[in-house]
N, C-alpha and C. Protein backbone atom coordinates (compact mmCIF):
# COMPACT_ATOMS: atom_id res chain seq x y z
N MET A 1 0.86 -1.18 0.00
CA MET A 1 0.00 0.00 0.00
C MET A 1 0.90 1.23 0.00
N THR A 2 0.58 2.16 -0.87
CA THR A 2 1.37 3.38 -0.96
C THR A 2 0.72 4.49 -0.14
N ARG A 3 1.46 5.57 0.01
CA ARG A 3 0.93 6.72 0.76
C ARG A 3 -0.32 7.27 0.08
N GLN A 4 -0.38 7.21 -1.24
CA GLN A 4 -1.57 7.65 -1.98
C GLN A 4 -2.78 6.79 -1.60
N ASN A 5 -2.56 5.49 -1.48
CA ASN A 5 -3.64 4.60 -1.06
C ASN A 5 -4.12 4.95 0.34
N VAL A 6 -3.20 5.30 1.21
CA VAL A 6 -3.56 5.67 2.58
C VAL A 6 -4.40 6.94 2.56
N THR A 7 -4.02 7.89 1.75
CA THR A 7 -4.77 9.14 1.63
C THR A 7 -6.20 8.85 1.16
N GLU A 8 -6.33 7.98 0.18
CA GLU A 8 -7.65 7.60 -0.31
C GLU A 8 -8.44 6.86 0.77
N LEU A 9 -7.78 5.96 1.48
CA LEU A 9 -8.43 5.23 2.57
C LEU A 9 -8.91 6.18 3.65
N LEU A 10 -8.08 7.15 4.02
CA LEU A 10 -8.48 8.11 5.05
C LEU A 10 -9.70 8.93 4.61
N ALA A 11 -9.76 9.26 3.33
CA ALA A 11 -10.91 10.00 2.81
C ALA A 11 -12.19 9.17 2.92
N VAL A 12 -12.10 7.89 2.59
CA VAL A 12 -13.26 7.00 2.69
C VAL A 12 -13.66 6.82 4.15
N LEU A 13 -12.67 6.60 5.01
CA LEU A 13 -12.97 6.44 6.43
C LEU A 13 -13.62 7.70 7.00
N GLU A 14 -13.17 8.86 6.56
CA GLU A 14 -13.75 10.11 7.04
C GLU A 14 -15.20 10.25 6.59
N GLU A 15 -15.49 9.85 5.37
CA GLU A 15 -16.86 9.91 4.88
C GLU A 15 -17.77 9.00 5.72
N ILE A 16 -17.30 7.80 5.98
CA ILE A 16 -18.08 6.86 6.79
C ILE A 16 -18.23 7.40 8.21
N ARG A 17 -17.13 7.87 8.79
CA ARG A 17 -17.17 8.39 10.16
C ARG A 17 -18.14 9.55 10.29
N SER A 18 -18.05 10.50 9.38
CA SER A 18 -18.90 11.69 9.48
C SER A 18 -20.37 11.38 9.29
N ASN A 19 -20.67 10.37 8.46
CA ASN A 19 -22.07 10.01 8.21
C ASN A 19 -22.64 9.06 9.26
N GLU A 20 -21.84 8.12 9.69
CA GLU A 20 -22.34 7.06 10.57
C GLU A 20 -21.95 7.22 12.04
N TYR A 21 -20.77 7.80 12.29
CA TYR A 21 -20.24 7.87 13.65
C TYR A 21 -19.67 9.26 13.95
N PRO A 22 -20.49 10.29 13.88
CA PRO A 22 -19.97 11.65 14.04
C PRO A 22 -19.37 11.93 15.43
N ASP A 23 -19.70 11.10 16.41
CA ASP A 23 -19.16 11.32 17.76
C ASP A 23 -17.73 10.79 17.91
N VAL A 24 -17.29 9.98 16.97
CA VAL A 24 -15.92 9.46 17.01
C VAL A 24 -15.01 10.51 16.38
N PRO A 25 -13.95 10.91 17.09
CA PRO A 25 -13.06 11.95 16.56
C PRO A 25 -12.33 11.52 15.28
N LYS A 26 -12.29 12.42 14.35
CA LYS A 26 -11.59 12.19 13.08
C LYS A 26 -10.12 11.83 13.35
N GLU A 27 -9.50 12.53 14.28
CA GLU A 27 -8.09 12.32 14.58
C GLU A 27 -7.82 10.89 15.06
N MET A 28 -8.75 10.33 15.82
CA MET A 28 -8.57 8.98 16.32
C MET A 28 -8.55 7.98 15.17
N ILE A 29 -9.47 8.13 14.25
CA ILE A 29 -9.53 7.23 13.09
C ILE A 29 -8.25 7.35 12.27
N GLU A 30 -7.79 8.57 12.07
CA GLU A 30 -6.55 8.78 11.31
C GLU A 30 -5.37 8.14 12.02
N GLN A 31 -5.28 8.32 13.33
CA GLN A 31 -4.16 7.75 14.08
C GLN A 31 -4.16 6.23 14.02
N ILE A 32 -5.33 5.62 14.10
CA ILE A 32 -5.42 4.16 14.01
C ILE A 32 -5.00 3.69 12.63
N ALA A 33 -5.52 4.33 11.60
CA ALA A 33 -5.18 3.93 10.22
C ALA A 33 -3.68 4.08 9.97
N LEU A 34 -3.10 5.17 10.43
CA LEU A 34 -1.67 5.39 10.21
C LEU A 34 -0.83 4.43 11.04
N ALA A 35 -1.27 4.11 12.25
CA ALA A 35 -0.54 3.12 13.07
C ALA A 35 -0.52 1.78 12.36
N GLN A 36 -1.63 1.41 11.77
CA GLN A 36 -1.69 0.15 11.04
C GLN A 36 -0.82 0.19 9.79
N PHE A 37 -0.87 1.29 9.05
CA PHE A 37 -0.08 1.42 7.83
C PHE A 37 1.42 1.46 8.14
N ASP A 38 1.80 2.29 9.09
CA ASP A 38 3.22 2.46 9.40
C ASP A 38 3.85 1.21 9.97
N ASN A 39 3.05 0.34 10.54
CA ASN A 39 3.58 -0.86 11.18
C ASN A 39 3.07 -2.15 10.54
N GLN A 40 2.78 -2.10 9.26
CA GLN A 40 2.22 -3.28 8.61
C GLN A 40 3.18 -4.46 8.58
N ASP A 41 4.47 -4.22 8.77
CA ASP A 41 5.43 -5.32 8.84
C ASP A 41 5.64 -5.83 10.26
N ASP A 42 5.04 -5.14 11.23
CA ASP A 42 5.16 -5.54 12.63
C ASP A 42 3.77 -5.45 13.26
N ARG A 43 2.99 -6.52 13.10
CA ARG A 43 1.59 -6.51 13.53
C ARG A 43 1.45 -6.29 15.04
N ASN A 44 2.41 -6.78 15.83
CA ASN A 44 2.33 -6.55 17.27
C ASN A 44 2.47 -5.07 17.60
N LYS A 45 3.40 -4.40 16.95
CA LYS A 45 3.57 -2.96 17.18
C LYS A 45 2.33 -2.20 16.71
N ALA A 46 1.77 -2.60 15.59
CA ALA A 46 0.55 -1.95 15.10
C ALA A 46 -0.58 -2.11 16.11
N ARG A 47 -0.70 -3.30 16.67
CA ARG A 47 -1.75 -3.57 17.66
C ARG A 47 -1.54 -2.72 18.91
N VAL A 48 -0.30 -2.67 19.39
CA VAL A 48 0.01 -1.88 20.59
C VAL A 48 -0.32 -0.41 20.36
N GLU A 49 0.10 0.13 19.24
CA GLU A 49 -0.16 1.54 18.95
C GLU A 49 -1.66 1.82 18.82
N THR A 50 -2.37 0.90 18.20
CA THR A 50 -3.83 1.06 18.07
C THR A 50 -4.50 1.05 19.43
N ILE A 51 -4.09 0.13 20.29
CA ILE A 51 -4.65 0.07 21.64
C ILE A 51 -4.34 1.35 22.41
N GLN A 52 -3.15 1.90 22.22
CA GLN A 52 -2.79 3.14 22.90
C GLN A 52 -3.67 4.31 22.44
N VAL A 53 -3.94 4.37 21.15
CA VAL A 53 -4.81 5.44 20.62
C VAL A 53 -6.20 5.32 21.23
N ILE A 54 -6.74 4.11 21.25
CA ILE A 54 -8.08 3.90 21.79
C ILE A 54 -8.11 4.18 23.29
N ALA A 55 -7.09 3.72 24.01
CA ALA A 55 -7.03 3.96 25.46
C ALA A 55 -6.96 5.45 25.77
N SER A 56 -6.20 6.17 24.99
CA SER A 56 -6.10 7.62 25.18
C SER A 56 -7.46 8.29 24.99
N TYR A 57 -8.18 7.86 23.97
CA TYR A 57 -9.52 8.42 23.72
C TYR A 57 -10.47 8.08 24.86
N VAL A 58 -10.45 6.84 25.31
CA VAL A 58 -11.34 6.42 26.40
C VAL A 58 -11.03 7.20 27.67
N ASN A 59 -9.75 7.40 27.95
CA ASN A 59 -9.36 8.16 29.14
C ASN A 59 -9.85 9.61 29.06
N LYS A 60 -9.85 10.18 27.87
CA LYS A 60 -10.31 11.56 27.69
C LYS A 60 -11.82 11.70 27.94
N ILE A 61 -12.58 10.68 27.54
CA ILE A 61 -14.04 10.79 27.67
C ILE A 61 -14.55 10.27 29.00
N SER A 62 -13.69 9.62 29.77
CA SER A 62 -14.12 9.08 31.07
C SER A 62 -14.20 10.14 32.14
């Protein structure tokens, strides 16, 4: 996957998020997608970073 593909993916995710899940922050979705993309060769690191993004969001809303 190239950076162009990621840009296109983020655009699609934003459309879905804004229409279906407007309460979920755009930044969180972007951070998760980029964590997965940047660490696609290290699935454990991708998982850890994704969990950190979600935990940070949950801590903010708690």
